[in-house]
């Protein structure tokens, strides 16, 4: 078992080689996301127990239907004290498309999650261009989280009045590929929906909402 603390060094090491060999930008993003989450968990930002959390890139899980493993992009596993197997797994699928993620991709992701044990697993999809309407509706109905990050340099309307975002603003951010009509709310260019259907523009709030009821809490 590898804790979040141990992951930070491996992730940083991997980013070095990825950047130097100019590998797929989606892979680079996956590692950067992993690094940030690992640092936050290890620093106690979420009030979690780092030794009981394992963060992994390109994890594989056994499917009885296929009789072989399914490889995913990112996973966060949660362990009971001294346990060998996780009691909770959060899977991330990163789609670095130049178009909206279609509903077929979300349906395929849902099918894969079901094959590895839906009772102990939740899943989220991350992309820079958003999701088509069918993908958004299917994910919302099946409890799949969605996250859209807007790459630097894309035009958005920066809100300087500290107005709180409405759900409709976030839904638009999740489903509209053109960024010129989107509104940023001072935190960053992010739009998210948690697995239980809560909308947020704060990436740390998104992670915390998914993990707060799943991971053992550290002692005060």
Protein backbone atom coordinates (compact mmCIF):
# COMPACT_ATOMS: atom_id res chain seq x y z
CA UNK A 1 0.00 0.00 0.00
CA UNK A 2 1.28 3.48 -0.90
CA UNK A 3 0.09 6.46 1.12
CA UNK A 4 -0.62 9.92 -0.26
CA UNK A 5 2.71 11.09 1.15
CA UNK A 6 4.59 8.47 -0.81
CA UNK A 7 2.68 9.36 -3.95
CA UNK A 8 3.94 12.94 -4.03
CA UNK A 9 7.52 11.96 -4.79
CA UNK A 10 6.51 9.43 -7.43
CA UNK A 11 4.13 11.90 -9.08
CA UNK A 12 6.73 14.68 -9.16
CA UNK A 13 9.26 12.23 -10.60
CA UNK A 14 6.77 11.18 -13.27
CA UNK A 15 5.92 14.78 -14.18
CA UNK A 16 9.63 15.41 -14.82
CA UNK A 17 9.81 12.61 -17.36
CA UNK A 18 6.44 13.46 -18.91
CA UNK A 19 7.43 17.08 -19.47
CA UNK A 20 10.87 16.20 -20.81
CA UNK A 21 9.58 13.61 -23.26
CA UNK A 22 6.57 15.78 -24.22
CA UNK A 23 4.01 13.08 -23.64
CA UNK A 24 0.25 13.48 -24.03
CA UNK A 25 -1.06 16.64 -22.37
CA UNK A 26 -3.89 14.64 -20.82
CA UNK A 27 -1.37 12.46 -18.98
CA UNK A 28 0.44 15.55 -17.69
CA UNK A 29 -2.84 16.92 -16.39
CA UNK A 30 -3.67 13.63 -14.66
CA UNK A 31 -0.37 13.74 -12.78
CA UNK A 32 -0.81 17.38 -11.81
CA UNK A 33 -4.28 16.67 -10.42
CA UNK A 34 -2.86 13.72 -8.50
CA UNK A 35 -0.06 15.82 -7.06
CA UNK A 36 -2.37 18.54 -5.80
CA UNK A 37 -4.78 16.09 -4.15
CA UNK A 38 -1.93 14.13 -2.57
CA UNK A 39 -0.42 17.28 -1.11
CA UNK A 40 -3.76 18.41 0.31
CA UNK A 41 -4.46 15.04 1.92
CA UNK A 42 -0.95 14.77 3.32
CA UNK A 43 -1.07 18.30 4.77
CA UNK A 44 -4.29 17.56 6.62
CA UNK A 45 -6.28 20.08 4.57
CA UNK A 46 -9.27 17.72 4.50
CA UNK A 47 -8.79 16.43 8.05
CA UNK A 48 -8.07 12.96 6.67
CA UNK A 49 -5.73 10.12 7.64
CA UNK A 50 -2.97 10.04 4.97
CA UNK A 51 -1.76 6.56 5.89
CA UNK A 52 -5.20 5.16 5.05
CA UNK A 53 -5.38 6.74 1.59
CA UNK A 54 -3.77 5.44 -1.61
CA UNK A 55 -3.68 7.58 -4.76
CA UNK A 56 -2.74 5.83 -7.98
CA UNK A 57 -2.27 6.65 -11.67
CA UNK A 58 -3.48 4.07 -14.20
CA UNK A 59 -4.86 1.64 -11.59
CA UNK A 60 -6.45 -1.64 -12.66
CA UNK A 61 -9.39 -3.46 -11.09
CA UNK A 62 -10.68 -6.95 -11.77
CA UNK A 63 -13.88 -7.41 -13.78
CA UNK A 64 -15.71 -10.72 -13.37
CA UNK A 65 -17.58 -10.07 -16.61
CA UNK A 66 -14.35 -9.72 -18.61
CA UNK A 67 -12.34 -12.07 -16.42
CA UNK A 68 -9.48 -9.60 -16.56
CA UNK A 69 -8.58 -6.18 -15.20
CA UNK A 70 -9.96 -2.83 -16.35
CA UNK A 71 -7.47 0.06 -16.42
CA UNK A 72 -8.65 3.52 -15.34
CA UNK A 73 -6.90 6.91 -15.30
CA UNK A 74 -6.80 7.81 -11.59
CA UNK A 75 -8.05 6.29 -8.35
CA UNK A 76 -8.23 7.27 -4.70
CA UNK A 77 -8.57 4.25 -2.43
CA UNK A 78 -9.60 4.36 1.24
CA UNK A 79 -8.56 1.67 3.71
CA UNK A 80 -9.67 0.71 7.18
CA UNK A 81 -6.80 0.56 9.66
CA UNK A 82 -4.47 -2.40 8.89
CA UNK A 83 -6.73 -3.62 6.04
CA UNK A 84 -5.25 -4.95 2.79
CA UNK A 85 -8.25 -4.18 0.58
CA UNK A 86 -9.95 -0.78 0.22
CA UNK A 87 -13.51 -0.33 1.42
CA UNK A 88 -14.03 2.67 -0.85
CA UNK A 89 -12.66 3.56 -4.31
CA UNK A 90 -13.08 6.86 -6.17
CA UNK A 91 -12.26 6.50 -9.89
CA UNK A 92 -11.44 9.45 -12.17
CA UNK A 93 -11.67 9.27 -15.95
CA UNK A 94 -9.79 12.12 -17.69
CA UNK A 95 -10.94 13.00 -21.22
CA UNK A 96 -8.58 15.52 -22.81
CA UNK A 97 -10.83 16.06 -25.86
CA UNK A 98 -11.06 19.10 -28.12
CA UNK A 99 -14.84 18.61 -28.18
CA UNK A 100 -17.57 17.81 -25.69
CA UNK A 101 -17.56 14.36 -24.11
CA UNK A 102 -20.39 12.33 -25.72
CA UNK A 103 -22.94 10.30 -23.80
CA UNK A 104 -21.42 7.04 -25.11
CA UNK A 105 -18.24 7.71 -23.11
CA UNK A 106 -20.20 8.28 -19.91
CA UNK A 107 -22.26 5.13 -20.49
CA UNK A 108 -19.06 3.13 -21.04
CA UNK A 109 -17.53 4.56 -17.87
CA UNK A 110 -20.68 3.68 -15.90
CA UNK A 111 -20.54 0.12 -17.24
CA UNK A 112 -16.90 -0.25 -16.21
CA UNK A 113 -17.63 1.03 -12.71
CA UNK A 114 -20.45 -1.50 -12.34
CA UNK A 115 -18.11 -4.33 -13.33
CA UNK A 116 -15.64 -3.61 -10.52
CA UNK A 117 -18.20 -3.28 -7.72
CA UNK A 118 -20.58 -0.35 -7.68
CA UNK A 119 -21.32 -0.76 -3.96
CA UNK A 120 -17.83 0.36 -2.99
CA UNK A 121 -17.05 2.59 -5.94
CA UNK A 122 -17.90 6.07 -7.21
CA UNK A 123 -16.68 7.70 -10.39
CA UNK A 124 -16.06 11.16 -11.85
CA UNK A 125 -15.12 12.37 -15.33
CA UNK A 126 -12.82 15.36 -16.03
CA UNK A 127 -12.48 17.24 -19.32
CA UNK A 128 -11.49 20.68 -20.72
CA UNK A 129 -14.38 21.09 -23.22
CA UNK A 130 -17.44 20.00 -21.27
CA UNK A 131 -20.10 17.35 -21.81
CA UNK A 132 -22.93 17.09 -24.29
CA UNK A 133 -26.49 17.29 -22.96
CA UNK A 134 -27.03 13.53 -23.06
CA UNK A 135 -23.76 12.91 -21.23
CA UNK A 136 -24.66 15.43 -18.53
CA UNK A 137 -28.16 14.01 -18.03
CA UNK A 138 -26.95 10.40 -17.96
CA UNK A 139 -24.19 11.19 -15.47
CA UNK A 140 -26.60 13.08 -13.23
CA UNK A 141 -29.08 10.18 -13.24
CA UNK A 142 -26.40 7.55 -12.50
CA UNK A 143 -24.48 9.40 -9.78
CA UNK A 144 -21.35 10.08 -11.84
CA UNK A 145 -19.48 13.27 -10.97
CA UNK A 146 -18.43 15.71 -13.70
CA UNK A 147 -15.62 18.28 -13.73
CA UNK A 148 -14.74 20.76 -16.46
CA UNK A 149 -11.56 22.84 -16.32
CA UNK A 150 -11.04 25.70 -18.77
CA UNK A 151 -7.44 25.75 -20.11
CA UNK A 152 -5.45 28.99 -19.57
CA UNK A 153 -5.86 31.49 -22.39
CA UNK A 154 -9.47 30.65 -23.24
CA UNK A 155 -11.70 33.76 -22.97
CA UNK A 156 -14.23 33.95 -20.13
CA UNK A 157 -16.22 36.69 -18.44
CA UNK A 158 -14.53 37.38 -15.10
CA UNK A 159 -17.03 38.31 -12.38
CA UNK A 160 -15.56 40.98 -10.10
CA UNK A 161 -18.68 41.59 -8.02
CA UNK A 162 -18.19 38.41 -5.93
CA UNK A 163 -21.59 37.20 -7.04
CA UNK A 164 -22.25 33.61 -6.04
CA UNK A 165 -22.65 31.29 -9.03
CA UNK A 166 -26.09 29.87 -9.73
CA UNK A 167 -26.53 26.21 -10.62
CA UNK A 168 -27.46 27.35 -14.13
CA UNK A 169 -24.05 29.06 -14.48
CA UNK A 170 -22.27 25.83 -13.56
CA UNK A 171 -24.46 23.68 -15.80
CA UNK A 172 -23.67 26.05 -18.66
CA UNK A 173 -19.97 25.70 -17.84
CA UNK A 174 -20.27 21.92 -17.90
CA UNK A 175 -22.14 21.73 -21.19
CA UNK A 176 -21.01 24.70 -23.35
CA UNK A 177 -17.73 24.18 -25.26
CA UNK A 178 -17.36 27.86 -26.24
CA UNK A 179 -15.84 29.68 -23.29
CA UNK A 180 -16.52 33.31 -24.28
CA UNK A 181 -19.98 33.19 -22.72
CA UNK A 182 -18.90 31.48 -19.51
CA UNK A 183 -18.53 33.28 -16.19
CA UNK A 184 -15.60 32.79 -13.81
CA UNK A 185 -16.25 33.56 -10.16
CA UNK A 186 -12.86 34.47 -8.73
CA UNK A 187 -11.76 30.96 -7.73
CA UNK A 188 -10.65 29.67 -11.11
CA UNK A 189 -12.00 28.39 -14.36
CA UNK A 190 -13.73 25.29 -13.01
CA UNK A 191 -17.25 23.91 -13.15
CA UNK A 192 -18.20 20.75 -11.28
CA UNK A 193 -21.00 18.40 -10.27
CA UNK A 194 -20.44 15.92 -7.46
CA UNK A 195 -21.67 12.34 -7.61
CA UNK A 196 -24.71 13.29 -5.52
CA UNK A 197 -25.60 16.17 -7.84
CA UNK A 198 -24.18 19.16 -5.96
CA UNK A 199 -22.77 21.96 -8.15
CA UNK A 200 -19.57 23.86 -7.33
CA UNK A 201 -16.84 25.99 -8.93
CA UNK A 202 -14.25 25.22 -6.22
CA UNK A 203 -12.04 22.17 -6.96
CA UNK A 204 -11.16 21.62 -3.31
CA UNK A 205 -14.82 21.78 -2.32
CA UNK A 206 -15.51 19.22 -5.05
CA UNK A 207 -12.90 16.80 -3.69
CA UNK A 208 -13.96 17.35 -0.10
CA UNK A 209 -17.64 16.74 -0.93
CA UNK A 210 -16.76 13.36 -2.43
CA UNK A 211 -14.42 12.26 0.35
CA UNK A 212 -15.78 13.76 3.58
CA UNK A 213 -18.15 10.88 4.33
CA UNK A 214 -15.85 8.16 3.02
CA UNK A 215 -12.38 8.59 4.55
CA UNK A 216 -11.51 8.05 8.25
CA UNK A 217 -11.05 11.37 10.03
CA UNK A 218 -7.80 12.22 11.81
CA UNK A 219 -7.85 12.70 15.56
CA UNK A 220 -8.31 16.29 16.77
